[in-house]
């Protein structure tokens, strides 16, 4: 019976290319990380010579083009993304941050909408006799939770008043602010530059007022008590129907909530005191709400 030579019926792996080896059709070699198949028998022709070899697969980069994630990512929580020309590392964010899309690349940031950062509540039962030029009645420490936050004040202030037949004598003025160690203030209330009823109080308030009442609610000479309450009062608002202004305080800043009272006509106003300055007295309440993302 006649014998027919079919040649190679599969590729023949020859290992790393050697210049002194004779290669025939369908021999496969490795050269510089790539693989080549012989298409024309020869000896001494490099696999890169397209007359004798055809490339089957190309060598990888071994991470030299920035695709080695073991070197790009260094810390637990890192994220990799495609940068302008290579893979880039986005270091993990801080607790509570969310992943947001920047102009071109992803970034960490605060979540949209309002974020409640902190709430604090106090009561105060100290008492003072308030003169016309105003008096500091509360200094309460507070430490910020966020950076450039907006603060809202709730206050319920108890005052006693020895009324007079002259309603212009006894005025009730209240103002409050947060203040850092350098004297920077975040003032609560509305901006007021004229028509101030409590004489001498403007230098203390920075012209932001919670209360400025002309005269007492009573016109006789009897003692009376009043509670003035304010809810969700924002800060640094210079005109009506405008948003509250964010503070400039950094996270972890030590502040003091300060509250002043002033009486425009004498010494008839009392803080947390009634009944003719006897032992009977009341209590005032304060709360700070710190939020982020107000627009």
Protein backbone atom coordinates (compact mmCIF):
# COMPACT_ATOMS: atom_id res chain seq x y z
CA UNK A 1 0.00 0.00 0.00
CA UNK A 2 1.26 3.44 -0.85
CA UNK A 3 2.19 5.76 2.09
CA UNK A 4 1.08 9.38 2.02
CA UNK A 5 2.88 11.97 4.18
CA UNK A 6 0.22 14.25 5.73
CA UNK A 7 2.79 16.42 7.45
CA UNK A 8 1.95 17.89 10.85
CA UNK A 9 -1.62 17.58 11.84
CA UNK A 10 -1.20 19.84 14.91
CA UNK A 11 1.10 22.58 16.13
CA UNK A 12 4.47 21.42 17.41
CA UNK A 13 5.63 23.27 20.51
CA UNK A 14 9.39 23.80 20.31
CA UNK A 15 9.91 25.99 23.34
CA UNK A 16 12.11 29.07 23.34
CA UNK A 17 13.45 30.05 19.91
CA UNK A 18 17.03 28.96 19.17
CA UNK A 19 18.94 30.40 16.22
CA UNK A 20 20.68 27.11 15.32
CA UNK A 21 17.51 25.02 15.18
CA UNK A 22 15.85 24.18 11.89
CA UNK A 23 12.13 24.96 12.08
CA UNK A 24 9.46 23.59 9.79
CA UNK A 25 5.88 24.59 9.11
CA UNK A 26 3.62 24.48 12.21
CA UNK A 27 6.48 24.56 14.68
CA UNK A 28 5.64 27.01 17.50
CA UNK A 29 8.26 28.92 19.48
CA UNK A 30 8.39 31.47 22.27
CA UNK A 31 10.35 34.64 21.71
CA UNK A 32 10.51 37.64 24.16
CA UNK A 33 7.26 36.56 25.76
CA UNK A 34 5.29 36.20 22.51
CA UNK A 35 4.54 33.03 20.57
CA UNK A 36 5.13 32.47 16.83
CA UNK A 37 4.23 29.71 14.38
CA UNK A 38 6.56 28.77 11.54
CA UNK A 39 5.00 29.26 8.09
CA UNK A 40 8.14 28.57 5.96
CA UNK A 41 10.94 26.18 6.92
CA UNK A 42 14.23 27.88 7.74
CA UNK A 43 17.13 28.09 10.11
CA UNK A 44 18.48 31.23 11.76
CA UNK A 45 15.59 33.56 10.93
CA UNK A 46 14.13 35.35 13.93
CA UNK A 47 10.44 34.79 14.69
CA UNK A 48 9.87 38.50 14.08
CA UNK A 49 10.65 37.88 10.39
CA UNK A 50 7.17 37.74 8.88
CA UNK A 51 8.42 35.71 5.89
CA UNK A 52 9.07 32.68 8.08
CA UNK A 53 6.91 33.18 11.16
CA UNK A 54 3.49 34.47 12.07
CA UNK A 55 2.75 35.84 15.54
CA UNK A 56 0.17 33.82 17.48
CA UNK A 57 0.02 35.80 20.74
CA UNK A 58 1.59 38.95 22.11
CA UNK A 59 3.48 39.30 25.37
CA UNK A 60 1.73 41.08 28.25
CA UNK A 61 3.03 44.22 29.93
CA UNK A 62 3.76 42.76 33.39
CA UNK A 63 2.17 45.87 34.85
CA UNK A 64 4.69 48.25 33.29
CA UNK A 65 1.84 50.27 31.71
CA UNK A 66 0.10 50.88 35.04
CA UNK A 67 -2.22 47.89 34.88
CA UNK A 68 -0.57 46.09 37.81
CA UNK A 69 -3.27 46.53 40.47
CA UNK A 70 -1.00 45.22 43.22
CA UNK A 71 1.06 48.39 42.94
CA UNK A 72 -1.78 50.78 42.03
CA UNK A 73 -3.91 49.80 45.03
CA UNK A 74 -2.06 50.14 48.32
CA UNK A 75 -4.66 50.37 51.11
CA UNK A 76 -7.80 48.54 52.08
CA UNK A 77 -10.79 50.43 50.66
CA UNK A 78 -8.91 51.91 47.67
CA UNK A 79 -10.71 52.12 44.34
CA UNK A 80 -9.13 51.99 40.86
CA UNK A 81 -10.44 54.01 37.91
CA UNK A 82 -9.33 54.91 34.38
CA UNK A 83 -7.48 58.20 34.45
CA UNK A 84 -6.40 60.43 31.58
CA UNK A 85 -3.68 58.04 30.45
CA UNK A 86 -3.48 55.18 32.94
CA UNK A 87 -5.24 53.48 35.81
CA UNK A 88 -5.42 55.70 38.87
CA UNK A 89 -5.93 55.07 42.58
CA UNK A 90 -8.70 56.78 44.54
CA UNK A 91 -7.86 56.49 48.22
CA UNK A 92 -10.71 55.40 50.45
CA UNK A 93 -12.96 58.14 51.79
CA UNK A 94 -13.88 58.90 55.37
CA UNK A 95 -16.82 57.46 57.27
CA UNK A 96 -20.14 58.75 55.97
CA UNK A 97 -18.82 60.03 52.62
CA UNK A 98 -20.31 58.87 49.33
CA UNK A 99 -18.73 58.31 45.92
CA UNK A 100 -19.60 61.17 43.55
CA UNK A 101 -18.70 61.97 39.95
CA UNK A 102 -16.43 64.95 39.53
CA UNK A 103 -15.80 66.84 36.29
CA UNK A 104 -13.83 63.91 34.85
CA UNK A 105 -12.95 61.54 37.67
CA UNK A 106 -14.80 60.05 40.64
CA UNK A 107 -14.31 61.60 44.07
CA UNK A 108 -15.50 61.27 47.65
CA UNK A 109 -17.89 63.85 49.09
CA UNK A 110 -20.83 64.47 51.38
CA UNK A 111 -24.17 63.05 50.42
CA UNK A 112 -26.68 65.31 48.72
CA UNK A 113 -29.29 67.19 50.71
CA UNK A 114 -29.07 68.02 54.39
CA UNK A 115 -26.92 66.02 56.75
CA UNK A 116 -27.53 66.25 60.47
CA UNK A 117 -24.10 66.50 62.06
CA UNK A 118 -24.88 67.10 65.72
CA UNK A 119 -27.51 68.23 68.22
CA UNK A 120 -26.89 69.56 71.72
CA UNK A 121 -29.33 70.63 74.44
CA UNK A 122 -28.82 72.55 77.69
CA UNK A 123 -30.81 74.12 80.49
CA UNK A 124 -29.67 77.02 82.65
CA UNK A 125 -31.08 78.08 86.01
CA UNK A 126 -28.56 80.75 86.97
CA UNK A 127 -30.00 84.24 87.44
CA UNK A 128 -28.82 87.81 86.87
CA UNK A 129 -30.03 91.39 87.20
CA UNK A 130 -29.60 92.96 83.77
CA UNK A 131 -28.44 96.56 83.29
CA UNK A 132 -29.19 98.77 80.32
CA UNK A 133 -25.86 98.14 78.61
CA UNK A 134 -26.43 94.41 78.48
CA UNK A 135 -25.01 91.45 80.31
CA UNK A 136 -23.67 88.02 79.35
CA UNK A 137 -26.00 85.46 80.95
CA UNK A 138 -24.80 82.21 79.34
CA UNK A 139 -21.48 80.80 78.16
CA UNK A 140 -21.95 77.19 77.04
CA UNK A 141 -19.09 75.17 75.42
CA UNK A 142 -19.81 73.46 72.10
CA UNK A 143 -17.48 71.51 69.75
CA UNK A 144 -18.25 71.42 66.03
CA UNK A 145 -18.80 68.08 64.30
CA UNK A 146 -18.55 69.23 60.67
CA UNK A 147 -16.67 71.83 58.65
CA UNK A 148 -18.39 75.03 57.45
CA UNK A 149 -21.67 73.90 58.98
CA UNK A 150 -24.91 75.82 59.35
CA UNK A 151 -26.16 76.16 62.94
CA UNK A 152 -29.75 76.52 64.10
CA UNK A 153 -30.65 77.81 67.57
CA UNK A 154 -33.66 76.95 69.70
CA UNK A 155 -33.98 79.11 72.80
CA UNK A 156 -36.60 79.51 75.50
CA UNK A 157 -35.50 82.40 77.72
CA UNK A 158 -37.20 83.13 81.06
CA UNK A 159 -37.14 86.78 82.22
CA UNK A 160 -38.65 88.68 85.12
CA UNK A 161 -39.60 92.33 84.75
CA UNK A 162 -40.47 95.05 87.22
CA UNK A 163 -42.82 97.04 85.03
CA UNK A 164 -43.16 100.83 84.98
CA UNK A 165 -45.92 103.22 84.04
CA UNK A 166 -43.52 104.46 81.33
CA UNK A 167 -43.41 101.70 78.69
CA UNK A 168 -40.24 103.11 77.14
CA UNK A 169 -38.21 102.49 80.27
CA UNK A 170 -38.24 98.70 80.33
CA UNK A 171 -37.10 97.08 77.09
CA UNK A 172 -36.21 93.45 76.54
CA UNK A 173 -33.35 92.69 74.16
CA UNK A 174 -31.83 89.24 73.59
CA UNK A 175 -29.04 88.20 71.26
CA UNK A 176 -26.91 85.07 70.89
CA UNK A 177 -23.94 83.77 68.92
CA UNK A 178 -21.34 81.03 68.71
CA UNK A 179 -17.77 82.27 69.17
CA UNK A 180 -14.37 80.64 68.76
CA UNK A 181 -11.20 81.37 70.72
CA UNK A 182 -10.17 84.11 68.26
CA UNK A 183 -13.43 86.03 68.61
CA UNK A 184 -14.94 84.90 65.30
CA UNK A 185 -18.73 84.83 65.67
CA UNK A 186 -21.66 83.01 64.10
CA UNK A 187 -24.57 85.25 65.02
CA UNK A 188 -28.17 84.11 65.34
CA UNK A 189 -31.17 86.19 64.35
CA UNK A 190 -31.77 89.12 62.06
CA UNK A 191 -29.51 91.97 61.04
CA UNK A 192 -30.49 95.28 62.62
CA UNK A 193 -28.62 98.58 62.45
CA UNK A 194 -31.14 101.14 63.73
CA UNK A 195 -34.06 101.49 66.12
CA UNK A 196 -32.32 99.54 68.85
CA UNK A 197 -34.28 99.90 72.09
CA UNK A 198 -31.72 98.64 74.59
CA UNK A 199 -29.17 101.42 74.94
CA UNK A 200 -25.53 100.36 74.77
CA UNK A 201 -26.36 96.82 73.65
CA UNK A 202 -25.37 97.27 70.01
CA UNK A 203 -21.65 96.97 70.79
CA UNK A 204 -22.26 93.53 72.29
CA UNK A 205 -24.58 92.03 69.74
CA UNK A 206 -22.89 92.65 66.43
CA UNK A 207 -26.31 93.92 65.27
CA UNK A 208 -27.94 90.47 65.10
CA UNK A 209 -30.96 90.14 67.35
CA UNK A 210 -33.30 87.48 68.66
CA UNK A 211 -35.49 89.99 70.48
CA UNK A 212 -35.74 93.76 70.72
CA UNK A 213 -38.99 94.78 72.40
CA UNK A 214 -39.89 98.40 73.16
CA UNK A 215 -41.39 98.44 76.64
CA UNK A 216 -42.81 95.79 78.92
CA UNK A 217 -46.04 93.92 78.40
CA UNK A 218 -47.26 95.38 81.70
CA UNK A 219 -47.60 99.07 82.61
CA UNK A 220 -47.97 98.87 86.38
CA UNK A 221 -45.33 98.55 89.06
CA UNK A 222 -45.85 94.88 89.73
CA UNK A 223 -43.40 92.12 88.99
CA UNK A 224 -44.19 89.80 86.15
CA UNK A 225 -42.43 86.95 84.37
CA UNK A 226 -42.24 86.21 80.68
CA UNK A 227 -40.86 83.41 78.53
CA UNK A 228 -39.50 84.34 75.11
CA UNK A 229 -39.09 81.32 72.81
CA UNK A 230 -37.33 81.05 69.45
CA UNK A 231 -37.25 78.02 67.14
CA UNK A 232 -34.77 77.11 64.38
CA UNK A 233 -33.18 80.53 64.26
CA UNK A 234 -30.45 80.56 61.62
CA UNK A 235 -27.23 82.50 61.52
CA UNK A 236 -25.73 85.44 59.63
CA UNK A 237 -28.94 86.12 57.71
CA UNK A 238 -28.69 89.76 56.56
CA UNK A 239 -32.04 90.06 54.76
CA UNK A 240 -35.47 88.45 54.66
CA UNK A 241 -36.12 85.31 52.61
CA UNK A 242 -32.47 84.45 52.15
CA UNK A 243 -30.78 81.21 53.10
CA UNK A 244 -28.79 80.87 56.26
CA UNK A 245 -25.07 81.39 55.76
CA UNK A 246 -22.58 78.61 56.47
CA UNK A 247 -19.97 79.13 59.15
CA UNK A 248 -16.22 79.19 58.64
CA UNK A 249 -15.44 76.88 61.56
CA UNK A 250 -13.49 73.68 60.95
CA UNK A 251 -14.51 70.31 62.34
CA UNK A 252 -13.51 69.90 65.98
CA UNK A 253 -13.43 73.64 66.71
CA UNK A 254 -14.11 74.57 70.34
CA UNK A 255 -16.82 77.23 70.51
CA UNK A 256 -18.94 78.92 73.15
CA UNK A 257 -22.63 79.66 72.81
CA UNK A 258 -23.06 83.12 74.34
CA UNK A 259 -26.37 84.76 75.21
CA UNK A 260 -26.76 88.42 76.19
CA UNK A 261 -29.72 90.29 77.65
CA UNK A 262 -30.14 94.05 77.78
CA UNK A 263 -32.64 96.47 79.34
CA UNK A 264 -32.91 99.87 77.73
CA UNK A 265 -34.03 101.95 80.67
CA UNK A 266 -32.64 100.76 83.95
CA UNK A 267 -32.02 97.71 86.06
CA UNK A 268 -35.52 96.24 86.13
CA UNK A 269 -34.88 93.20 83.91
CA UNK A 270 -33.92 89.85 85.44
CA UNK A 271 -32.77 86.62 83.87
CA UNK A 272 -34.37 83.45 85.27
CA UNK A 273 -35.85 85.47 88.12
CA UNK A 274 -39.29 86.78 89.03
CA UNK A 275 -41.35 87.76 92.08
CA UNK A 276 -39.50 90.97 93.00
CA UNK A 277 -36.08 89.34 92.93
CA UNK A 278 -36.99 86.92 95.67
CA UNK A 279 -35.91 83.30 95.77
CA UNK A 280 -38.49 82.33 93.14
CA UNK A 281 -36.89 81.86 89.75
CA UNK A 282 -37.31 80.07 86.44
CA UNK A 283 -35.15 78.15 83.99
CA UNK A 284 -34.07 78.78 80.40
CA UNK A 285 -33.47 76.16 77.70
CA UNK A 286 -31.18 76.12 74.66
CA UNK A 287 -30.44 73.72 71.79
CA UNK A 288 -27.99 73.83 68.88
CA UNK A 289 -28.61 71.85 65.67
CA UNK A 290 -25.62 71.54 63.35
CA UNK A 291 -26.34 70.64 59.71
CA UNK A 292 -24.37 70.32 56.48
CA UNK A 293 -25.42 70.74 52.87
CA UNK A 294 -27.92 73.58 53.26
CA UNK A 295 -28.46 75.29 49.89
